[in-house]
C-alpha atoms as a PDB file:
ATOM      1  CA  MET A   1     -22.124  17.858  17.353  1.00  0.00           C
ATOM      2  CA  LYS A   2     -20.255  14.899  18.812  1.00  0.00           C
ATOM      3  CA  PRO A   3     -18.191  12.986  16.234  1.00  0.00           C
ATOM      4  CA  LEU A   4     -18.785   9.286  15.667  1.00  0.00           C
ATOM      5  CA  TYR A   5     -15.038   8.857  15.203  1.00  0.00           C
ATOM      6  CA  GLU A   6     -12.000  11.055  14.808  1.00  0.00           C
ATOM      7  CA  THR A   7      -8.314  10.543  14.261  1.00  0.00           C
ATOM      8  CA  THR A   8      -5.252  12.735  14.243  1.00  0.00           C
ATOM      9  CA  ILE A   9      -2.236  12.450  11.963  1.00  0.00           C
ATOM     10  CA  ILE A  10       0.817  14.692  12.236  1.00  0.00           C
ATOM     11  CA  ASN A  11       3.169  15.520   9.343  1.00  0.00           C
ATOM     12  CA  THR A  12       6.713  16.766   9.560  1.00  0.00           C
ATOM     13  CA  GLY A  13       8.717  17.626   6.463  1.00  0.00           C
ATOM     14  CA  GLY A  14       5.829  17.980   4.005  1.00  0.00           C
ATOM     15  CA  ARG A  15       6.239  15.702   0.974  1.00  0.00           C
ATOM     16  CA  GLU A  16       9.790  14.851   2.058  1.00  0.00           C
ATOM     17  CA  GLY A  17       9.031  13.769   5.613  1.00  0.00           C
ATOM     18  CA  GLU A  18       6.758  11.493   7.566  1.00  0.00           C
ATOM     19  CA  VAL A  19       3.239  11.157   8.905  1.00  0.00           C
ATOM     20  CA  HIS A  20       2.352   9.614  12.238  1.00  0.00           C
ATOM     21  CA  SER A  21      -0.413   9.303  14.776  1.00  0.00           C
ATOM     22  CA  PRO A  22       0.219  10.722  18.243  1.00  0.00           C
ATOM     23  CA  ASP A  23       0.347   7.157  19.640  1.00  0.00           C
ATOM     24  CA  ASN A  24       2.742   6.067  16.819  1.00  0.00           C
ATOM     25  CA  ILE A  25       0.507   3.140  15.768  1.00  0.00           C
ATOM     26  CA  PHE A  26       0.461   4.733  12.306  1.00  0.00           C
ATOM     27  CA  ASN A  27       3.889   5.869  11.099  1.00  0.00           C
ATOM     28  CA  ILE A  28       4.791   6.186   7.406  1.00  0.00           C
ATOM     29  CA  ASP A  29       7.534   7.962   5.483  1.00  0.00           C
ATOM     30  CA  VAL A  30       6.337  10.230   2.680  1.00  0.00           C
ATOM     31  CA  ALA A  31       8.268  11.375  -0.365  1.00  0.00           C
ATOM     32  CA  LYS A  32       7.676  13.376  -3.489  1.00  0.00           C
ATOM     33  CA  PRO A  33       6.952  11.027  -6.425  1.00  0.00           C
ATOM     34  CA  ALA A  34       9.651  10.791  -9.092  1.00  0.00           C
ATOM     35  CA  ALA A  35       7.156  12.245 -11.593  1.00  0.00           C
ATOM     36  CA  LEU A  36       7.169  15.449  -9.508  1.00  0.00           C
ATOM     37  CA  GLY A  37      10.931  15.641  -9.212  1.00  0.00           C
ATOM     38  CA  GLY A  38      11.450  13.319  -6.261  1.00  0.00           C
ATOM     39  CA  ASN A  39      13.778  10.370  -6.016  1.00  0.00           C
ATOM     40  CA  ALA A  40      12.664   6.782  -6.609  1.00  0.00           C
ATOM     41  CA  THR A  41      11.702   5.480  -3.170  1.00  0.00           C
ATOM     42  CA  THR A  42       9.429   3.065  -1.358  1.00  0.00           C
ATOM     43  CA  ALA A  43       7.909   5.887   0.690  1.00  0.00           C
ATOM     44  CA  THR A  44       4.281   6.785   0.041  1.00  0.00           C
ATOM     45  CA  ASN A  45       2.855  10.159  -0.971  1.00  0.00           C
ATOM     46  CA  PRO A  46      -0.286  12.130  -0.097  1.00  0.00           C
ATOM     47  CA  GLU A  47      -2.102  11.073  -3.268  1.00  0.00           C
ATOM     48  CA  GLN A  48      -1.581   7.376  -2.473  1.00  0.00           C
ATOM     49  CA  LEU A  49      -2.840   7.934   1.056  1.00  0.00           C
ATOM     50  CA  PHE A  50      -5.926   9.717  -0.278  1.00  0.00           C
ATOM     51  CA  ALA A  51      -6.560   6.946  -2.834  1.00  0.00           C
ATOM     52  CA  ALA A  52      -6.274   4.316  -0.092  1.00  0.00           C
ATOM     53  CA  GLY A  53      -8.706   6.128   2.179  1.00  0.00           C
ATOM     54  CA  TYR A  54     -11.198   6.957  -0.566  1.00  0.00           C
ATOM     55  CA  SER A  55     -11.254   3.441  -2.047  1.00  0.00           C
ATOM     56  CA  ALA A  56     -11.757   1.834   1.379  1.00  0.00           C
ATOM     57  CA  CYS A  57     -14.441   4.310   2.428  1.00  0.00           C
ATOM     58  CA  PHE A  58     -16.283   4.103  -0.907  1.00  0.00           C
ATOM     59  CA  ASN A  59     -16.245   0.303  -0.867  1.00  0.00           C
ATOM     60  CA  SER A  60     -17.574   0.276   2.702  1.00  0.00           C
ATOM     61  CA  ALA A  61     -20.381   2.634   1.669  1.00  0.00           C
ATOM     62  CA  LEU A  62     -21.095   0.446  -1.365  1.00  0.00           C
ATOM     63  CA  GLU A  63     -21.302  -2.753   0.657  1.00  0.00           C
ATOM     64  CA  LEU A  64     -23.573  -1.049   3.199  1.00  0.00           C
ATOM     65  CA  MET A  65     -25.903   0.136   0.424  1.00  0.00           C
ATOM     66  CA  LEU A  66     -25.962  -3.376  -1.074  1.00  0.00           C
ATOM     67  CA  GLU A  67     -26.691  -4.944   2.319  1.00  0.00           C
ATOM     68  CA  GLN A  68     -29.442  -2.416   3.088  1.00  0.00           C
ATOM     69  CA  GLY A  69     -30.952  -3.137  -0.337  1.00  0.00           C
ATOM     70  CA  LYS A  70     -30.781  -6.875   0.391  1.00  0.00           C
ATOM     71  CA  VAL A  71     -28.756  -7.358  -2.801  1.00  0.00           C
ATOM     72  CA  ASP A  72     -27.005 -10.703  -3.021  1.00  0.00           C
ATOM     73  CA  PHE A  73     -23.429 -10.189  -4.269  1.00  0.00           C
ATOM     74  CA  SER A  74     -20.237 -12.179  -3.920  1.00  0.00           C
ATOM     75  CA  SER A  75     -17.636  -9.400  -3.649  1.00  0.00           C
ATOM     76  CA  SER A  76     -16.872  -5.785  -4.470  1.00  0.00           C
ATOM     77  CA  GLU A  77     -13.698  -3.959  -5.385  1.00  0.00           C
ATOM     78  CA  VAL A  78     -12.949  -0.249  -5.720  1.00  0.00           C
ATOM     79  CA  THR A  79      -9.807   0.994  -7.435  1.00  0.00           C
ATOM     80  CA  ALA A  80      -9.104   4.685  -6.829  1.00  0.00           C
ATOM     81  CA  THR A  81      -6.704   6.568  -9.072  1.00  0.00           C
ATOM     82  CA  VAL A  82      -5.823  10.011  -7.735  1.00  0.00           C
ATOM     83  CA  SER A  83      -4.170  12.451 -10.122  1.00  0.00           C
ATOM     84  CA  LEU A  84      -2.665  15.914  -9.842  1.00  0.00           C
ATOM     85  CA  TYR A  85      -3.590  18.315 -12.648  1.00  0.00           C
ATOM     86  CA  PRO A  86      -2.435  21.845 -13.380  1.00  0.00           C
ATOM     87  CA  ASP A  87      -4.835  24.423 -11.939  1.00  0.00           C
ATOM     88  CA  LYS A  88      -5.142  27.335 -14.358  1.00  0.00           C
ATOM     89  CA  GLU A  89      -6.907  29.507 -11.775  1.00  0.00           C
ATOM     90  CA  ASP A  90      -3.996  29.823  -9.363  1.00  0.00           C
ATOM     91  CA  LYS A  91      -1.202  28.215 -11.411  1.00  0.00           C
ATOM     92  CA  GLY A  92      -0.972  25.463  -8.771  1.00  0.00           C
ATOM     93  CA  VAL A  93      -2.311  21.926  -8.891  1.00  0.00           C
ATOM     94  CA  LYS A  94      -5.647  20.265  -8.201  1.00  0.00           C
ATOM     95  CA  LEU A  95      -6.863  16.726  -7.595  1.00  0.00           C
ATOM     96  CA  GLY A  96      -8.841  14.471  -9.881  1.00  0.00           C
ATOM     97  CA  VAL A  97     -10.148  11.016  -9.003  1.00  0.00           C
ATOM     98  CA  LYS A  98     -11.148   8.006 -11.045  1.00  0.00           C
ATOM     99  CA  LEU A  99     -13.005   5.199  -9.296  1.00  0.00           C
ATOM    100  CA  GLU A 100     -13.318   1.816 -11.002  1.00  0.00           C
ATOM    101  CA  VAL A 101     -15.909  -0.323  -9.265  1.00  0.00           C
ATOM    102  CA  THR A 102     -16.576  -4.026  -9.682  1.00  0.00           C
ATOM    103  CA  ILE A 103     -19.399  -5.883  -7.964  1.00  0.00           C
ATOM    104  CA  GLU A 104     -19.315  -9.615  -8.560  1.00  0.00           C
ATOM    105  CA  GLY A 105     -22.606 -11.454  -8.689  1.00  0.00           C
ATOM    106  CA  VAL A 106     -24.942  -8.641  -9.850  1.00  0.00           C
ATOM    107  CA  ASP A 107     -25.913  -7.392 -13.283  1.00  0.00           C
ATOM    108  CA  HIS A 108     -24.517  -4.123 -14.610  1.00  0.00           C
ATOM    109  CA  ALA A 109     -27.701  -2.064 -14.097  1.00  0.00           C
ATOM    110  CA  VAL A 110     -27.939  -3.079 -10.440  1.00  0.00           C
ATOM    111  CA  ALA A 111     -24.235  -2.373  -9.974  1.00  0.00           C
ATOM    112  CA  GLU A 112     -24.607   1.132 -11.442  1.00  0.00           C
ATOM    113  CA  GLU A 113     -27.626   1.851  -9.227  1.00  0.00           C
ATOM    114  CA  TYR A 114     -25.780   0.895  -6.049  1.00  0.00           C
ATOM    115  CA  VAL A 115     -22.543   2.619  -7.030  1.00  0.00           C
ATOM    116  CA  ASN A 116     -24.572   5.813  -7.475  1.00  0.00           C
ATOM    117  CA  LYS A 117     -26.169   5.314  -4.039  1.00  0.00           C
ATOM    118  CA  ALA A 118     -22.737   4.735  -2.506  1.00  0.00           C
ATOM    119  CA  HIS A 119     -21.370   7.890  -4.152  1.00  0.00           C
ATOM    120  CA  HIS A 120     -24.115   9.955  -2.506  1.00  0.00           C
ATOM    121  CA  PHE A 121     -23.571   8.229   0.864  1.00  0.00           C
ATOM    122  CA  CYS A 122     -19.758   8.010   1.082  1.00  0.00           C
ATOM    123  CA  PRO A 123     -18.235  10.669   3.392  1.00  0.00           C
ATOM    124  CA  TYR A 124     -15.228  11.120   1.057  1.00  0.00           C
ATOM    125  CA  SER A 125     -17.519  11.689  -1.930  1.00  0.00           C
ATOM    126  CA  LYS A 126     -19.527  14.214   0.064  1.00  0.00           C
ATOM    127  CA  ALA A 127     -16.386  16.002   1.255  1.00  0.00           C
ATOM    128  CA  ILE A 128     -14.982  16.566  -2.222  1.00  0.00           C
ATOM    129  CA  SER A 129     -18.269  17.123  -4.076  1.00  0.00           C
ATOM    130  CA  GLY A 130     -18.027  20.254  -6.203  1.00  0.00           C
ATOM    131  CA  ASN A 131     -14.298  20.587  -5.502  1.00  0.00           C
ATOM    132  CA  VAL A 132     -12.726  17.547  -7.169  1.00  0.00           C
ATOM    133  CA  ASP A 133     -13.659  15.976 -10.480  1.00  0.00           C
ATOM    134  CA  VAL A 134     -14.635  12.353  -9.811  1.00  0.00           C
ATOM    135  CA  GLU A 135     -15.097   9.949 -12.697  1.00  0.00           C
ATOM    136  CA  ILE A 136     -16.750   6.634 -11.816  1.00  0.00           C
ATOM    137  CA  SER A 137     -16.825   3.570 -14.030  1.00  0.00           C
ATOM    138  CA  VAL A 138     -18.637   0.354 -13.214  1.00  0.00           C
ATOM    139  CA  LYS A 139     -16.938  -2.749 -14.584  1.00  0.00           C
END
C-alpha cells in the first residue's frame, strides 16, 4: 500500500544525543530527564516528543470529526501527558498517556461524543490501542 505521508528521523546517542531528519530541517538535542538521572537541561526527551505528536494528531482528528459532524465550536485544545511506569512483566518501563481535551462552544455531552469519535479515528490512538493505557478526560 502506498503511504499518504512518511517521514524519517535519525537518532544518535539514544537519550543523551540528538534526533534529526535527513535534510536537517528537524534537528533537536535529546537528554535524559532529571527524574531519570539526567542533568537539568533544555534538551527534549522522547516522551515530550511523543506527547507533542499525539496531542497534535489527536486534536487534528477531533477537529476533523467536529467539522464532518457540522458541529459549531470556537476552539479545541488537547493536553497530552506521557508517563513512564515500571513494567512488572519485564522489569523495564512502559508508557501511559493522559489526554485532557477542551472544546469551547459545545456542551459536555457533545464534547464527549466527538472526543470518543476522535479517539477511534486518530492514527496515534489506533497505533497504541491495547499496548498503552490511555486515560481521556473532557473538560
